[in-house]
Amino acid sequence: MVLVSGGLFLLALGLFAGAVLVLVPFGLVAWRADATLWVLFPLFSLIGFGLVATAARAGQTRQLLLVASAALLLLAAGSAAGLVLGAANIRPTDGGSLSLWYVLAVAGVLGVIGAAVHAKAREPA
């Protein structure tokens, strides 16, 4: 139970770090996104899921994988939308769009992998 709780906490922190990296370039939050968030976003997301996957039952792991994949794909979609809005000068970014590209790549890859693993796990043997 402790590993599952700790894993969920780390996963939530990883997703929060990714969300901050998406929101800061648009000035939607009055925070700062330094290099620590760039490292902790994928690290906490992966470690959090790994902890839950080792301690949770198989059904719980599949459900968590689906929820985590959906959240990561939502972050990637938000980054893509932000890049389009910034490129069209509808909502220009403050200080560049590198963090949006980073979240799009990392969250997109992790989200697609998680969704693919979830779909593969549902196939009959």
C-alpha atoms as a PDB file:
ATOM      1  CA  MET A   1       0.000   0.000   0.000  1.00  0.00           C
ATOM      2  CA  VAL A   2       2.885   2.385   0.762  1.00  0.00           C
ATOM      3  CA  LEU A   3       4.474   1.794  -2.656  1.00  0.00           C
ATOM      4  CA  VAL A   4       1.168   2.404  -4.413  1.00  0.00           C
ATOM      5  CA  SER A   5       0.571   5.639  -2.481  1.00  0.00           C
ATOM      6  CA  GLY A   6       4.119   6.833  -3.060  1.00  0.00           C
ATOM      7  CA  GLY A   7       3.919   5.941  -6.729  1.00  0.00           C
ATOM      8  CA  LEU A   8       0.660   7.811  -7.185  1.00  0.00           C
ATOM      9  CA  PHE A   9       2.147  10.830  -5.432  1.00  0.00           C
ATOM     10  CA  LEU A  10       5.230  10.824  -7.685  1.00  0.00           C
ATOM     11  CA  LEU A  11       3.085  10.322 -10.767  1.00  0.00           C
ATOM     12  CA  ALA A  12       0.918  13.287  -9.767  1.00  0.00           C
ATOM     13  CA  LEU A  13       4.020  15.427  -9.182  1.00  0.00           C
ATOM     14  CA  GLY A  14       5.374  14.449 -12.598  1.00  0.00           C
ATOM     15  CA  LEU A  15       2.125  15.377 -14.306  1.00  0.00           C
ATOM     16  CA  PHE A  16       2.001  18.645 -12.349  1.00  0.00           C
ATOM     17  CA  ALA A  17       5.550  19.485 -13.498  1.00  0.00           C
ATOM     18  CA  GLY A  18       4.483  18.860 -17.092  1.00  0.00           C
ATOM     19  CA  ALA A  19       1.414  21.042 -16.681  1.00  0.00           C
ATOM     20  CA  VAL A  20       3.530  23.877 -15.291  1.00  0.00           C
ATOM     21  CA  LEU A  21       5.865  23.583 -18.287  1.00  0.00           C
ATOM     22  CA  VAL A  22       2.830  24.033 -20.553  1.00  0.00           C
ATOM     23  CA  LEU A  23       1.174  26.892 -18.642  1.00  0.00           C
ATOM     24  CA  VAL A  24       4.192  29.097 -17.850  1.00  0.00           C
ATOM     25  CA  PRO A  25       5.059  30.164 -21.433  1.00  0.00           C
ATOM     26  CA  PHE A  26       1.611  31.705 -21.800  1.00  0.00           C
ATOM     27  CA  GLY A  27       1.691  33.534 -18.481  1.00  0.00           C
ATOM     28  CA  LEU A  28      -1.355  31.584 -17.287  1.00  0.00           C
ATOM     29  CA  VAL A  29       0.334  30.992 -13.937  1.00  0.00           C
ATOM     30  CA  ALA A  30       2.687  33.342 -12.114  1.00  0.00           C
ATOM     31  CA  TRP A  31       5.265  30.613 -11.533  1.00  0.00           C
ATOM     32  CA  ARG A  32       8.667  29.868 -12.968  1.00  0.00           C
ATOM     33  CA  ALA A  33       9.669  26.707 -14.831  1.00  0.00           C
ATOM     34  CA  ASP A  34      13.347  26.074 -14.192  1.00  0.00           C
ATOM     35  CA  ALA A  35      15.484  23.102 -15.216  1.00  0.00           C
ATOM     36  CA  THR A  36      14.341  21.051 -12.228  1.00  0.00           C
ATOM     37  CA  LEU A  37      10.848  20.704 -13.717  1.00  0.00           C
ATOM     38  CA  TRP A  38      12.339  19.641 -17.043  1.00  0.00           C
ATOM     39  CA  VAL A  39      14.105  16.754 -15.328  1.00  0.00           C
ATOM     40  CA  LEU A  40      11.390  15.812 -12.841  1.00  0.00           C
ATOM     41  CA  PHE A  41       8.513  15.713 -15.333  1.00  0.00           C
ATOM     42  CA  PRO A  42       9.567  12.493 -17.111  1.00  0.00           C
ATOM     43  CA  LEU A  43      11.496  11.115 -14.131  1.00  0.00           C
ATOM     44  CA  PHE A  44       8.648  11.308 -11.615  1.00  0.00           C
ATOM     45  CA  SER A  45       6.116  10.154 -14.198  1.00  0.00           C
ATOM     46  CA  LEU A  46       8.121   7.012 -14.983  1.00  0.00           C
ATOM     47  CA  ILE A  47       9.188   6.231 -11.415  1.00  0.00           C
ATOM     48  CA  GLY A  48       5.677   6.832 -10.081  1.00  0.00           C
ATOM     49  CA  PHE A  49       4.135   4.468 -12.566  1.00  0.00           C
ATOM     50  CA  GLY A  50       6.902   1.924 -11.968  1.00  0.00           C
ATOM     51  CA  LEU A  51       6.257   1.906  -8.227  1.00  0.00           C
ATOM     52  CA  VAL A  52       2.544   1.423  -8.710  1.00  0.00           C
ATOM     53  CA  ALA A  53       3.086  -1.256 -11.331  1.00  0.00           C
ATOM     54  CA  THR A  54       5.277  -3.300  -8.997  1.00  0.00           C
ATOM     55  CA  ALA A  55       2.944  -3.062  -6.011  1.00  0.00           C
ATOM     56  CA  ALA A  56      -0.567  -2.938  -7.466  1.00  0.00           C
ATOM     57  CA  ARG A  57      -2.691  -5.813  -8.670  1.00  0.00           C
ATOM     58  CA  ALA A  58      -2.851  -6.455 -12.421  1.00  0.00           C
ATOM     59  CA  GLY A  59      -6.280  -4.851 -12.868  1.00  0.00           C
ATOM     60  CA  GLN A  60      -5.239  -1.758 -10.955  1.00  0.00           C
ATOM     61  CA  THR A  61      -2.063  -1.462 -12.995  1.00  0.00           C
ATOM     62  CA  ARG A  62      -3.968  -1.577 -16.287  1.00  0.00           C
ATOM     63  CA  GLN A  63      -6.431   1.066 -15.075  1.00  0.00           C
ATOM     64  CA  LEU A  64      -3.615   3.301 -13.824  1.00  0.00           C
ATOM     65  CA  LEU A  65      -1.791   2.870 -17.122  1.00  0.00           C
ATOM     66  CA  LEU A  66      -4.879   4.008 -18.992  1.00  0.00           C
ATOM     67  CA  VAL A  67      -5.420   7.046 -16.737  1.00  0.00           C
ATOM     68  CA  ALA A  68      -1.737   8.036 -16.800  1.00  0.00           C
ATOM     69  CA  SER A  69      -1.595   7.614 -20.583  1.00  0.00           C
ATOM     70  CA  ALA A  70      -4.708   9.746 -21.017  1.00  0.00           C
ATOM     71  CA  ALA A  71      -3.253  12.472 -18.776  1.00  0.00           C
ATOM     72  CA  LEU A  72       0.041  12.438 -20.682  1.00  0.00           C
ATOM     73  CA  LEU A  73      -1.748  12.579 -24.031  1.00  0.00           C
ATOM     74  CA  LEU A  74      -3.845  15.465 -22.710  1.00  0.00           C
ATOM     75  CA  LEU A  75      -0.629  17.307 -21.797  1.00  0.00           C
ATOM     76  CA  ALA A  76       0.747  16.609 -25.281  1.00  0.00           C
ATOM     77  CA  ALA A  77      -2.468  17.891 -26.868  1.00  0.00           C
ATOM     78  CA  GLY A  78      -2.320  21.012 -24.717  1.00  0.00           C
ATOM     79  CA  SER A  79       1.270  21.597 -25.825  1.00  0.00           C
ATOM     80  CA  ALA A  80       0.322  21.124 -29.473  1.00  0.00           C
ATOM     81  CA  ALA A  81      -2.572  23.559 -29.110  1.00  0.00           C
ATOM     82  CA  GLY A  82      -0.263  26.039 -27.411  1.00  0.00           C
ATOM     83  CA  LEU A  83       2.271  25.756 -30.217  1.00  0.00           C
ATOM     84  CA  VAL A  84      -0.422  26.378 -32.830  1.00  0.00           C
ATOM     85  CA  LEU A  85      -1.859  29.339 -30.912  1.00  0.00           C
ATOM     86  CA  GLY A  86       1.619  30.789 -30.471  1.00  0.00           C
ATOM     87  CA  ALA A  87       2.576  30.272 -34.120  1.00  0.00           C
ATOM     88  CA  ALA A  88      -0.650  31.918 -35.276  1.00  0.00           C
ATOM     89  CA  ASN A  89       0.085  34.810 -32.885  1.00  0.00           C
ATOM     90  CA  ILE A  90      -3.307  34.276 -31.243  1.00  0.00           C
ATOM     91  CA  ARG A  91      -1.689  33.692 -27.870  1.00  0.00           C
ATOM     92  CA  PRO A  92       2.046  34.416 -28.169  1.00  0.00           C
ATOM     93  CA  THR A  93       4.373  32.790 -25.672  1.00  0.00           C
ATOM     94  CA  ASP A  94       6.493  34.699 -23.183  1.00  0.00           C
ATOM     95  CA  GLY A  95      10.096  33.605 -23.563  1.00  0.00           C
ATOM     96  CA  GLY A  96       9.835  30.978 -26.273  1.00  0.00           C
ATOM     97  CA  SER A  97       8.153  27.680 -26.885  1.00  0.00           C
ATOM     98  CA  LEU A  98      10.927  25.190 -26.090  1.00  0.00           C
ATOM     99  CA  SER A  99       9.119  23.831 -23.027  1.00  0.00           C
ATOM    100  CA  LEU A 100       6.019  23.227 -25.154  1.00  0.00           C
ATOM    101  CA  TRP A 101       8.048  21.217 -27.668  1.00  0.00           C
ATOM    102  CA  TYR A 102       9.636  19.281 -24.808  1.00  0.00           C
ATOM    103  CA  VAL A 103       6.300  18.390 -23.197  1.00  0.00           C
ATOM    104  CA  LEU A 104       4.819  17.520 -26.595  1.00  0.00           C
ATOM    105  CA  ALA A 105       7.656  15.086 -27.308  1.00  0.00           C
ATOM    106  CA  VAL A 106       7.985  13.514 -23.852  1.00  0.00           C
ATOM    107  CA  ALA A 107       4.286  13.326 -22.972  1.00  0.00           C
ATOM    108  CA  GLY A 108       3.388  12.246 -26.494  1.00  0.00           C
ATOM    109  CA  VAL A 109       5.880   9.375 -26.529  1.00  0.00           C
ATOM    110  CA  LEU A 110       5.102   8.204 -22.983  1.00  0.00           C
ATOM    111  CA  GLY A 111       1.351   8.532 -23.529  1.00  0.00           C
ATOM    112  CA  VAL A 112       1.380   6.595 -26.795  1.00  0.00           C
ATOM    113  CA  ILE A 113       3.569   3.853 -25.321  1.00  0.00           C
ATOM    114  CA  GLY A 114       1.286   3.553 -22.296  1.00  0.00           C
ATOM    115  CA  ALA A 115      -1.834   3.423 -24.446  1.00  0.00           C
ATOM    116  CA  ALA A 116      -0.264   0.815 -26.724  1.00  0.00           C
ATOM    117  CA  VAL A 117       0.742  -1.354 -23.766  1.00  0.00           C
ATOM    118  CA  HIS A 118      -2.770  -1.029 -22.340  1.00  0.00           C
ATOM    119  CA  ALA A 119      -4.309  -2.072 -25.656  1.00  0.00           C
ATOM    120  CA  LYS A 120      -1.874  -4.988 -25.985  1.00  0.00           C
ATOM    121  CA  ALA A 121      -2.707  -6.167 -22.453  1.00  0.00           C
ATOM    122  CA  ARG A 122      -6.402  -6.366 -23.372  1.00  0.00           C
ATOM    123  CA  GLU A 123      -5.801  -8.661 -26.360  1.00  0.00           C
ATOM    124  CA  PRO A 124      -6.557 -12.326 -25.760  1.00  0.00           C
ATOM    125  CA  ALA A 125      -3.538 -14.585 -25.543  1.00  0.00           C
END
